[in-house]
Amino acid sequence: MEREIRETLESSAEAAQPVELDQPALGRVSRMDAIQQQKMIEANRHAQGARLQLVRSALRRFEEDEYGDCMNCGECVGFARLKARPESLFCIECQKARERN
């Protein structure tokens, strides 16, 4: 997963560069579309970067034999949750409580 996220970030780096507004080949609407697409790519890269940090944290916890333990209550995160989101930090109950707050 770490490798996949890194590859995604690397492959999208060029597309995330700011759009140059003085490109003669682009019309006004095309420029707006290009800017919007660049902003969406930028937001996706930001989310992927955050997920990469969580994955790296999960790998460190695995090496320290703490993987699968809730960072809040210390209980088991649960196999189904870890299978869906291997980088999960919290059990489902603690995650629900965090989202309510």
PDB file of N, CA and C in Angstrom:
ATOM      1  N   MET A   1       0.832  -1.188   0.000  1.00  0.00           N
ATOM      2  CA  MET A   1       0.000   0.000   0.000  1.00  0.00           C
ATOM      3  C   MET A   1       0.877   1.252   0.000  1.00  0.00           C
ATOM      4  N   GLU A   2       1.938   1.217   0.802  1.00  0.00           N
ATOM      5  CA  GLU A   2       2.838   2.367   0.841  1.00  0.00           C
ATOM      6  C   GLU A   2       3.415   2.635  -0.550  1.00  0.00           C
ATOM      7  N   ARG A   3       3.860   1.585  -1.214  1.00  0.00           N
ATOM      8  CA  ARG A   3       4.441   1.726  -2.551  1.00  0.00           C
ATOM      9  C   ARG A   3       3.403   2.286  -3.540  1.00  0.00           C
ATOM     10  N   GLU A   4       2.177   1.775  -3.480  1.00  0.00           N
ATOM     11  CA  GLU A   4       1.115   2.243  -4.384  1.00  0.00           C
ATOM     12  C   GLU A   4       0.837   3.730  -4.192  1.00  0.00           C
ATOM     13  N   ILE A   5       0.755   4.159  -2.949  1.00  0.00           N
ATOM     14  CA  ILE A   5       0.481   5.575  -2.673  1.00  0.00           C
ATOM     15  C   ILE A   5       1.643   6.439  -3.155  1.00  0.00           C
ATOM     16  N   ARG A   6       2.879   5.995  -2.881  1.00  0.00           N
ATOM     17  CA  ARG A   6       4.052   6.748  -3.350  1.00  0.00           C
ATOM     18  C   ARG A   6       4.044   6.886  -4.866  1.00  0.00           C
ATOM     19  N   GLU A   7       3.723   5.792  -5.564  1.00  0.00           N
ATOM     20  CA  GLU A   7       3.683   5.823  -7.028  1.00  0.00           C
ATOM     21  C   GLU A   7       2.591   6.765  -7.531  1.00  0.00           C
ATOM     22  N   THR A   8       1.448   6.761  -6.863  1.00  0.00           N
ATOM     23  CA  THR A   8       0.361   7.674  -7.234  1.00  0.00           C
ATOM     24  C   THR A   8       0.800   9.119  -7.060  1.00  0.00           C
ATOM     25  N   LEU A   9       1.462   9.408  -5.948  1.00  0.00           N
ATOM     26  CA  LEU A   9       1.931  10.773  -5.706  1.00  0.00           C
ATOM     27  C   LEU A   9       2.969  11.185  -6.743  1.00  0.00           C
ATOM     28  N   GLU A  10       3.877  10.276  -7.070  1.00  0.00           N
ATOM     29  CA  GLU A  10       4.903  10.591  -8.064  1.00  0.00           C
ATOM     30  C   GLU A  10       4.292  10.818  -9.448  1.00  0.00           C
ATOM     31  N   SER A  11       3.338   9.983  -9.823  1.00  0.00           N
ATOM     32  CA  SER A  11       2.758  10.097 -11.164  1.00  0.00           C
ATOM     33  C   SER A  11       1.858  11.331 -11.318  1.00  0.00           C
ATOM     34  N   SER A  12       1.350  11.854 -10.216  1.00  0.00           N
ATOM     35  CA  SER A  12       0.462  13.013 -10.305  1.00  0.00           C
ATOM     36  C   SER A  12       1.172  14.336 -10.023  1.00  0.00           C
ATOM     37  N   ALA A  13       2.464  14.283  -9.762  1.00  0.00           N
ATOM     38  CA  ALA A  13       3.201  15.497  -9.393  1.00  0.00           C
ATOM     39  C   ALA A  13       3.150  16.553 -10.496  1.00  0.00           C
ATOM     40  N   GLU A  14       3.351  16.156 -11.726  1.00  0.00           N
ATOM     41  CA  GLU A  14       3.362  17.130 -12.820  1.00  0.00           C
ATOM     42  C   GLU A  14       1.978  17.743 -13.040  1.00  0.00           C
ATOM     43  N   ALA A  15       0.948  16.920 -12.963  1.00  0.00           N
ATOM     44  CA  ALA A  15      -0.414  17.416 -13.181  1.00  0.00           C
ATOM     45  C   ALA A  15      -0.852  18.382 -12.083  1.00  0.00           C
ATOM     46  N   ALA A  16      -0.204  18.337 -10.929  1.00  0.00           N
ATOM     47  CA  ALA A  16      -0.575  19.201  -9.813  1.00  0.00           C
ATOM     48  C   ALA A  16       0.106  20.566  -9.874  1.00  0.00           C
ATOM     49  N   GLN A  17       0.978  20.754 -10.852  1.00  0.00           N
ATOM     50  CA  GLN A  17       1.666  22.034 -10.982  1.00  0.00           C
ATOM     51  C   GLN A  17       0.648  23.128 -11.318  1.00  0.00           C
ATOM     52  N   PRO A  18       0.879  24.355 -10.854  1.00  0.00           N
ATOM     53  CA  PRO A  18      -0.047  25.456 -11.148  1.00  0.00           C
ATOM     54  C   PRO A  18      -0.231  25.650 -12.658  1.00  0.00           C
ATOM     55  N   VAL A  19      -1.425  26.012 -13.034  1.00  0.00           N
ATOM     56  CA  VAL A  19      -1.750  26.271 -14.439  1.00  0.00           C
ATOM     57  C   VAL A  19      -1.246  27.662 -14.800  1.00  0.00           C
ATOM     58  N   GLU A  20      -0.526  27.736 -15.910  1.00  0.00           N
ATOM     59  CA  GLU A  20      -0.043  29.040 -16.371  1.00  0.00           C
ATOM     60  C   GLU A  20      -1.180  29.727 -17.124  1.00  0.00           C
ATOM     61  N   LEU A  21      -1.531  30.897 -16.671  1.00  0.00           N
ATOM     62  CA  LEU A  21      -2.691  31.599 -17.211  1.00  0.00           C
ATOM     63  C   LEU A  21      -2.447  32.236 -18.574  1.00  0.00           C
ATOM     64  N   ASP A  22      -1.200  32.404 -18.954  1.00  0.00           N
ATOM     65  CA  ASP A  22      -0.917  33.074 -20.221  1.00  0.00           C
ATOM     66  C   ASP A  22      -0.678  32.102 -21.377  1.00  0.00           C
ATOM     67  N   GLN A  23      -1.135  30.871 -21.257  1.00  0.00           N
ATOM     68  CA  GLN A  23      -0.982  29.909 -22.342  1.00  0.00           C
ATOM     69  C   GLN A  23      -1.923  30.291 -23.474  1.00  0.00           C
ATOM     70  N   PRO A  24      -1.392  30.593 -24.664  1.00  0.00           N
ATOM     71  CA  PRO A  24      -2.237  31.059 -25.762  1.00  0.00           C
ATOM     72  C   PRO A  24      -3.203  29.993 -26.294  1.00  0.00           C
ATOM     73  N   ALA A  25      -2.883  28.730 -26.110  1.00  0.00           N
ATOM     74  CA  ALA A  25      -3.729  27.663 -26.659  1.00  0.00           C
ATOM     75  C   ALA A  25      -5.000  27.451 -25.845  1.00  0.00           C
ATOM     76  N   LEU A  26      -5.064  28.019 -24.656  1.00  0.00           N
ATOM     77  CA  LEU A  26      -6.229  27.816 -23.806  1.00  0.00           C
ATOM     78  C   LEU A  26      -7.174  29.008 -23.867  1.00  0.00           C
ATOM     79  N   GLY A  27      -8.436  28.722 -24.048  1.00  0.00           N
ATOM     80  CA  GLY A  27      -9.447  29.764 -23.962  1.00  0.00           C
ATOM     81  C   GLY A  27      -9.817  29.986 -22.511  1.00  0.00           C
ATOM     82  N   ARG A  28     -10.677  30.947 -22.257  1.00  0.00           N
ATOM     83  CA  ARG A  28     -11.068  31.281 -20.877  1.00  0.00           C
ATOM     84  C   ARG A  28     -11.695  30.095 -20.166  1.00  0.00           C
ATOM     85  N   VAL A  29     -12.643  29.409 -20.818  1.00  0.00           N
ATOM     86  CA  VAL A  29     -13.314  28.265 -20.201  1.00  0.00           C
ATOM     87  C   VAL A  29     -12.321  27.124 -20.001  1.00  0.00           C
ATOM     88  N   SER A  30     -11.454  26.899 -20.982  1.00  0.00           N
ATOM     89  CA  SER A  30     -10.454  25.841 -20.861  1.00  0.00           C
ATOM     90  C   SER A  30      -9.492  26.109 -19.708  1.00  0.00           C
ATOM     91  N   ARG A  31      -9.146  27.380 -19.532  1.00  0.00           N
ATOM     92  CA  ARG A  31      -8.276  27.738 -18.400  1.00  0.00           C
ATOM     93  C   ARG A  31      -8.966  27.425 -17.081  1.00  0.00           C
ATOM     94  N   MET A  32     -10.245  27.778 -16.996  1.00  0.00           N
ATOM     95  CA  MET A  32     -11.001  27.512 -15.768  1.00  0.00           C
ATOM     96  C   MET A  32     -11.073  26.008 -15.515  1.00  0.00           C
ATOM     97  N   ASP A  33     -11.313  25.226 -16.562  1.00  0.00           N
ATOM     98  CA  ASP A  33     -11.332  23.766 -16.416  1.00  0.00           C
ATOM     99  C   ASP A  33      -9.974  23.244 -15.974  1.00  0.00           C
ATOM    100  N   ALA A  34      -8.908  23.764 -16.564  1.00  0.00           N
ATOM    101  CA  ALA A  34      -7.556  23.327 -16.220  1.00  0.00           C
ATOM    102  C   ALA A  34      -7.235  23.664 -14.764  1.00  0.00           C
ATOM    103  N   ILE A  35      -7.630  24.849 -14.322  1.00  0.00           N
ATOM    104  CA  ILE A  35      -7.395  25.252 -12.932  1.00  0.00           C
ATOM    105  C   ILE A  35      -8.192  24.368 -11.984  1.00  0.00           C
ATOM    106  N   GLN A  36      -9.450  24.116 -12.331  1.00  0.00           N
ATOM    107  CA  GLN A  36     -10.278  23.258 -11.482  1.00  0.00           C
ATOM    108  C   GLN A  36      -9.686  21.851 -11.396  1.00  0.00           C
ATOM    109  N   GLN A  37      -9.255  21.316 -12.519  1.00  0.00           N
ATOM    110  CA  GLN A  37      -8.666  19.973 -12.519  1.00  0.00           C
ATOM    111  C   GLN A  37      -7.385  19.952 -11.693  1.00  0.00           C
ATOM    112  N   GLN A  38      -6.568  20.989 -11.832  1.00  0.00           N
ATOM    113  CA  GLN A  38      -5.326  21.067 -11.059  1.00  0.00           C
ATOM    114  C   GLN A  38      -5.623  21.120  -9.569  1.00  0.00           C
ATOM    115  N   LYS A  39      -6.638  21.867  -9.161  1.00  0.00           N
ATOM    116  CA  LYS A  39      -7.003  21.964  -7.741  1.00  0.00           C
ATOM    117  C   LYS A  39      -7.506  20.620  -7.215  1.00  0.00           C
ATOM    118  N   MET A  40      -8.263  19.895  -8.043  1.00  0.00           N
ATOM    119  CA  MET A  40      -8.749  18.576  -7.620  1.00  0.00           C
ATOM    120  C   MET A  40      -7.587  17.602  -7.461  1.00  0.00           C
ATOM    121  N   ILE A  41      -6.639  17.645  -8.375  1.00  0.00           N
ATOM    122  CA  ILE A  41      -5.459  16.788  -8.273  1.00  0.00           C
ATOM    123  C   ILE A  41      -4.661  17.152  -7.034  1.00  0.00           C
ATOM    124  N   GLU A  42      -4.521  18.436  -6.780  1.00  0.00           N
ATOM    125  CA  GLU A  42      -3.795  18.912  -5.602  1.00  0.00           C
ATOM    126  C   GLU A  42      -4.460  18.418  -4.313  1.00  0.00           C
ATOM    127  N   ALA A  43      -5.782  18.491  -4.241  1.00  0.00           N
ATOM    128  CA  ALA A  43      -6.505  18.013  -3.057  1.00  0.00           C
ATOM    129  C   ALA A  43      -6.344  16.503  -2.897  1.00  0.00           C
ATOM    130  N   ASN A  44      -6.400  15.775  -3.997  1.00  0.00           N
ATOM    131  CA  ASN A  44      -6.221  14.325  -3.954  1.00  0.00           C
ATOM    132  C   ASN A  44      -4.811  13.977  -3.481  1.00  0.00           C
ATOM    133  N   ARG A  45      -3.816  14.715  -3.967  1.00  0.00           N
ATOM    134  CA  ARG A  45      -2.434  14.473  -3.534  1.00  0.00           C
ATOM    135  C   ARG A  45      -2.279  14.743  -2.035  1.00  0.00           C
ATOM    136  N   HIS A  46      -2.952  15.774  -1.549  1.00  0.00           N
ATOM    137  CA  HIS A  46      -2.893  16.088  -0.118  1.00  0.00           C
ATOM    138  C   HIS A  46      -3.486  14.926   0.695  1.00  0.00           C
ATOM    139  N   ALA A  47      -4.635  14.412   0.265  1.00  0.00           N
ATOM    140  CA  ALA A  47      -5.274  13.286   0.957  1.00  0.00           C
ATOM    141  C   ALA A  47      -4.395  12.037   0.885  1.00  0.00           C
ATOM    142  N   GLN A  48      -3.793  11.798  -0.272  1.00  0.00           N
ATOM    143  CA  GLN A  48      -2.914  10.637  -0.415  1.00  0.00           C
ATOM    144  C   GLN A  48      -1.670  10.776   0.462  1.00  0.00           C
ATOM    145  N   GLY A  49      -1.150  11.989   0.576  1.00  0.00           N
ATOM    146  CA  GLY A  49       0.005  12.229   1.449  1.00  0.00           C
ATOM    147  C   GLY A  49      -0.330  11.950   2.903  1.00  0.00           C
ATOM    148  N   ALA A  50      -1.516  12.366   3.326  1.00  0.00           N
ATOM    149  CA  ALA A  50      -1.951  12.098   4.696  1.00  0.00           C
ATOM    150  C   ALA A  50      -2.113  10.591   4.920  1.00  0.00           C
ATOM    151  N   ARG A  51      -2.674   9.904   3.931  1.00  0.00           N
ATOM    152  CA  ARG A  51      -2.852   8.453   4.068  1.00  0.00           C
ATOM    153  C   ARG A  51      -1.490   7.754   4.091  1.00  0.00           C
ATOM    154  N   LEU A  52      -0.541   8.234   3.311  1.00  0.00           N
ATOM    155  CA  LEU A  52       0.801   7.661   3.317  1.00  0.00           C
ATOM    156  C   LEU A  52       1.410   7.753   4.712  1.00  0.00           C
ATOM    157  N   GLN A  53       1.217   8.879   5.384  1.00  0.00           N
ATOM    158  CA  GLN A  53       1.735   9.023   6.747  1.00  0.00           C
ATOM    159  C   GLN A  53       1.084   8.008   7.686  1.00  0.00           C
ATOM    160  N   LEU A  54      -0.221   7.780   7.538  1.00  0.00           N
ATOM    161  CA  LEU A  54      -0.913   6.783   8.365  1.00  0.00           C
ATOM    162  C   LEU A  54      -0.402   5.379   8.089  1.00  0.00           C
ATOM    163  N   VAL A  55      -0.145   5.070   6.826  1.00  0.00           N
ATOM    164  CA  VAL A  55       0.373   3.745   6.469  1.00  0.00           C
ATOM    165  C   VAL A  55       1.760   3.553   7.071  1.00  0.00           C
ATOM    166  N   ARG A  56       2.598   4.561   6.964  1.00  0.00           N
ATOM    167  CA  ARG A  56       3.947   4.463   7.555  1.00  0.00           C
ATOM    168  C   ARG A  56       3.864   4.301   9.067  1.00  0.00           C
ATOM    169  N   SER A  57       2.924   4.994   9.693  1.00  0.00           N
ATOM    170  CA  SER A  57       2.719   4.858  11.133  1.00  0.00           C
ATOM    171  C   SER A  57       2.272   3.445  11.477  1.00  0.00           C
ATOM    172  N   ALA A  58       1.400   2.880  10.665  1.00  0.00           N
ATOM    173  CA  ALA A  58       0.928   1.509  10.887  1.00  0.00           C
ATOM    174  C   ALA A  58       2.086   0.526  10.756  1.00  0.00           C
ATOM    175  N   LEU A  59       2.958   0.753   9.792  1.00  0.00           N
ATOM    176  CA  LEU A  59       4.121  -0.129   9.623  1.00  0.00           C
ATOM    177  C   LEU A  59       5.054  -0.049  10.834  1.00  0.00           C
ATOM    178  N   ARG A  60       5.237   1.158  11.374  1.00  0.00           N
ATOM    179  CA  ARG A  60       6.063   1.303  12.588  1.00  0.00           C
ATOM    180  C   ARG A  60       5.417   0.578  13.773  1.00  0.00           C
ATOM    181  N   ARG A  61       4.081   0.729  13.910  1.00  0.00           N
ATOM    182  CA  ARG A  61       3.386   0.043  14.998  1.00  0.00           C
ATOM    183  C   ARG A  61       3.490  -1.472  14.842  1.00  0.00           C
ATOM    184  N   PHE A  62       3.479  -1.950  13.601  1.00  0.00           N
ATOM    185  CA  PHE A  62       3.626  -3.382  13.343  1.00  0.00           C
ATOM    186  C   PHE A  62       5.000  -3.853  13.812  1.00  0.00           C
ATOM    187  N   GLU A  63       6.035  -3.096  13.483  1.00  0.00           N
ATOM    188  CA  GLU A  63       7.402  -3.442  13.899  1.00  0.00           C
ATOM    189  C   GLU A  63       7.546  -3.415  15.420  1.00  0.00           C
ATOM    190  N   GLU A  64       6.798  -2.559  16.087  1.00  0.00           N
ATOM    191  CA  GLU A  64       6.861  -2.431  17.540  1.00  0.00           C
ATOM    192  C   GLU A  64       5.845  -3.337  18.242  1.00  0.00           C
ATOM    193  N   ASP A  65       5.200  -4.206  17.473  1.00  0.00           N
ATOM    194  CA  ASP A  65       4.208  -5.159  17.983  1.00  0.00           C
ATOM    195  C   ASP A  65       3.036  -4.460  18.670  1.00  0.00           C
ATOM    196  N   GLU A  66       2.645  -3.301  18.135  1.00  0.00           N
ATOM    197  CA  GLU A  66       1.497  -2.553  18.655  1.00  0.00           C
ATOM    198  C   GLU A  66       0.404  -2.402  17.607  1.00  0.00           C
ATOM    199  N   TYR A  67       0.610  -2.993  16.441  1.00  0.00           N
ATOM    200  CA  TYR A  67      -0.358  -2.869  15.347  1.00  0.00           C
ATOM    201  C   TYR A  67      -1.666  -3.541  15.734  1.00  0.00           C
ATOM    202  N   GLY A  68      -2.767  -2.877  15.462  1.00  0.00           N
ATOM    203  CA  GLY A  68      -4.087  -3.433  15.748  1.00  0.00           C
ATOM    204  C   GLY A  68      -4.638  -3.028  17.098  1.00  0.00           C
ATOM    205  N   ASP A  69      -3.838  -2.320  17.890  1.00  0.00           N
ATOM    206  CA  ASP A  69      -4.303  -1.822  19.177  1.00  0.00           C
ATOM    207  C   ASP A  69      -4.831  -0.397  18.983  1.00  0.00           C
ATOM    208  N   CYS A  70      -6.007  -0.129  19.524  1.00  0.00           N
ATOM    209  CA  CYS A  70      -6.597   1.208  19.437  1.00  0.00           C
ATOM    210  C   CYS A  70      -5.695   2.202  20.157  1.00  0.00           C
ATOM    211  N   MET A  71      -5.430   3.322  19.511  1.00  0.00           N
ATOM    212  CA  MET A  71      -4.569   4.349  20.101  1.00  0.00           C
ATOM    213  C   MET A  71      -5.254   5.102  21.233  1.00  0.00           C
ATOM    214  N   ASN A  72      -6.571   4.910  21.384  1.00  0.00           N
ATOM    215  CA  ASN A  72      -7.308   5.597  22.431  1.00  0.00           C
ATOM    216  C   ASN A  72      -7.536   4.691  23.644  1.00  0.00           C
ATOM    217  N   CYS A  73      -8.201   3.565  23.422  1.00  0.00           N
ATOM    218  CA  CYS A  73      -8.591   2.716  24.552  1.00  0.00           C
ATOM    219  C   CYS A  73      -7.687   1.490  24.733  1.00  0.00           C
ATOM    220  N   GLY A  74      -6.866   1.178  23.736  1.00  0.00           N
ATOM    221  CA  GLY A  74      -5.950   0.044  23.848  1.00  0.00           C
ATOM    222  C   GLY A  74      -6.557  -1.295  23.456  1.00  0.00           C
ATOM    223  N   GLU A  75      -7.867  -1.306  23.189  1.00  0.00           N
ATOM    224  CA  GLU A  75      -8.524  -2.547  22.780  1.00  0.00           C
ATOM    225  C   GLU A  75      -8.150  -2.877  21.334  1.00  0.00           C
ATOM    226  N   CYS A  76      -8.499  -4.087  20.921  1.00  0.00           N
ATOM    227  CA  CYS A  76      -8.233  -4.531  19.553  1.00  0.00           C
ATOM    228  C   CYS A  76      -9.084  -3.721  18.569  1.00  0.00           C
ATOM    229  N   VAL A  77      -8.470  -3.274  17.494  1.00  0.00           N
ATOM    230  CA  VAL A  77      -9.182  -2.493  16.487  1.00  0.00           C
ATOM    231  C   VAL A  77     -10.213  -3.364  15.771  1.00  0.00           C
ATOM    232  N   GLY A  78      -9.917  -4.590  15.568  1.00  0.00           N
ATOM    233  CA  GLY A  78     -10.851  -5.508  14.912  1.00  0.00           C
ATOM    234  C   GLY A  78     -10.393  -5.863  13.511  1.00  0.00           C
ATOM    235  N   PHE A  79     -10.479  -7.147  13.190  1.00  0.00           N
ATOM    236  CA  PHE A  79      -9.972  -7.639  11.914  1.00  0.00           C
ATOM    237  C   PHE A  79     -10.696  -7.010  10.729  1.00  0.00           C
ATOM    238  N   ALA A  80     -12.012  -6.945  10.776  1.00  0.00           N
ATOM    239  CA  ALA A  80     -12.770  -6.403   9.641  1.00  0.00           C
ATOM    240  C   ALA A  80     -12.368  -4.957   9.357  1.00  0.00           C
ATOM    241  N   ARG A  81     -12.194  -4.165  10.409  1.00  0.00           N
ATOM    242  CA  ARG A  81     -11.790  -2.765  10.232  1.00  0.00           C
ATOM    243  C   ARG A  81     -10.380  -2.673   9.662  1.00  0.00           C
ATOM    244  N   LEU A  82      -9.466  -3.479  10.184  1.00  0.00           N
ATOM    245  CA  LEU A  82      -8.096  -3.463   9.681  1.00  0.00           C
ATOM    246  C   LEU A  82      -8.021  -3.972   8.246  1.00  0.00           C
ATOM    247  N   LYS A  83      -8.888  -4.910   7.915  1.00  0.00           N
ATOM    248  CA  LYS A  83      -8.910  -5.415   6.541  1.00  0.00           C
ATOM    249  C   LYS A  83      -9.373  -4.315   5.582  1.00  0.00           C
ATOM    250  N   ALA A  84     -10.363  -3.549   5.993  1.00  0.00           N
ATOM    251  CA  ALA A  84     -10.887  -2.463   5.157  1.00  0.00           C
ATOM    252  C   ALA A  84      -9.931  -1.273   5.118  1.00  0.00           C
ATOM    253  N   ARG A  85      -9.387  -0.901   6.268  1.00  0.00           N
ATOM    254  CA  ARG A  85      -8.477   0.243   6.391  1.00  0.00           C
ATOM    255  C   ARG A  85      -7.291  -0.163   7.253  1.00  0.00           C
ATOM    256  N   PRO A  86      -6.275  -0.785   6.664  1.00  0.00           N
ATOM    257  CA  PRO A  86      -5.139  -1.294   7.444  1.00  0.00           C
ATOM    258  C   PRO A  86      -4.425  -0.239   8.273  1.00  0.00           C
ATOM    259  N   GLU A  87      -4.595   1.018   7.923  1.00  0.00           N
ATOM    260  CA  GLU A  87      -3.906   2.088   8.652  1.00  0.00           C
ATOM    261  C   GLU A  87      -4.722   2.646   9.809  1.00  0.00           C
ATOM    262  N   SER A  88      -5.854   2.023  10.123  1.00  0.00           N
ATOM    263  CA  SER A  88      -6.736   2.518  11.187  1.00  0.00           C
ATOM    264  C   SER A  88      -6.008   2.627  12.520  1.00  0.00           C
ATOM    265  N   LEU A  89      -6.214   3.757  13.175  1.00  0.00           N
ATOM    266  CA  LEU A  89      -5.599   4.011  14.476  1.00  0.00           C
ATOM    267  C   LEU A  89      -6.520   3.659  15.635  1.00  0.00           C
ATOM    268  N   PHE A  90      -7.838   3.677  15.376  1.00  0.00           N
ATOM    269  CA  PHE A  90      -8.806   3.553  16.459  1.00  0.00           C
ATOM    270  C   PHE A  90      -9.794   2.428  16.182  1.00  0.00           C
ATOM    271  N   CYS A  91     -10.292   1.822  17.264  1.00  0.00           N
ATOM    272  CA  CYS A  91     -11.371   0.852  17.120  1.00  0.00           C
ATOM    273  C   CYS A  91     -12.614   1.598  16.645  1.00  0.00           C
ATOM    274  N   ILE A  92     -13.604   0.876  16.225  1.00  0.00           N
ATOM    275  CA  ILE A  92     -14.787   1.514  15.640  1.00  0.00           C
ATOM    276  C   ILE A  92     -15.514   2.404  16.650  1.00  0.00           C
ATOM    277  N   GLU A  93     -15.577   1.982  17.898  1.00  0.00           N
ATOM    278  CA  GLU A  93     -16.267   2.798  18.911  1.00  0.00           C
ATOM    279  C   GLU A  93     -15.533   4.107  19.182  1.00  0.00           C
ATOM    280  N   CYS A  94     -14.210   4.037  19.310  1.00  0.00           N
ATOM    281  CA  CYS A  94     -13.439   5.266  19.540  1.00  0.00           C
ATOM    282  C   CYS A  94     -13.481   6.166  18.312  1.00  0.00           C
ATOM    283  N   GLN A  95     -13.488   5.584  17.120  1.00  0.00           N
ATOM    284  CA  GLN A  95     -13.581   6.388  15.905  1.00  0.00           C
ATOM    285  C   GLN A  95     -14.921   7.097  15.832  1.00  0.00           C
ATOM    286  N   LYS A  96     -15.995   6.401  16.183  1.00  0.00           N
ATOM    287  CA  LYS A  96     -17.319   7.021  16.200  1.00  0.00           C
ATOM    288  C   LYS A  96     -17.358   8.181  17.175  1.00  0.00           C
ATOM    289  N   ALA A  97     -16.760   7.996  18.344  1.00  0.00           N
ATOM    290  CA  ALA A  97     -16.742   9.051  19.351  1.00  0.00           C
ATOM    291  C   ALA A  97     -15.940  10.258  18.853  1.00  0.00           C
ATOM    292  N   ARG A  98     -14.844  10.019  18.185  1.00  0.00           N
ATOM    293  CA  ARG A  98     -14.032  11.111  17.617  1.00  0.00           C
ATOM    294  C   ARG A  98     -14.816  11.880  16.569  1.00  0.00           C
ATOM    295  N   GLU A  99     -15.574  11.157  15.741  1.00  0.00           N
ATOM    296  CA  GLU A  99     -16.333  11.812  14.678  1.00  0.00           C
ATOM    297  C   GLU A  99     -17.505  12.614  15.242  1.00  0.00           C
ATOM    298  N   ARG A 100     -18.090  12.164  16.359  1.00  0.00           N
ATOM    299  CA  ARG A 100     -19.178  12.928  16.986  1.00  0.00           C
ATOM    300  C   ARG A 100     -18.652  14.238  17.549  1.00  0.00           C
ATOM    301  N   ASN A 101     -17.436  14.227  18.047  1.00  0.00           N
ATOM    302  CA  ASN A 101     -16.849  15.438  18.627  1.00  0.00           C
ATOM    303  C   ASN A 101     -16.283  16.249  17.519  1.00  0.00           C
TER     304      ASN A 101
END
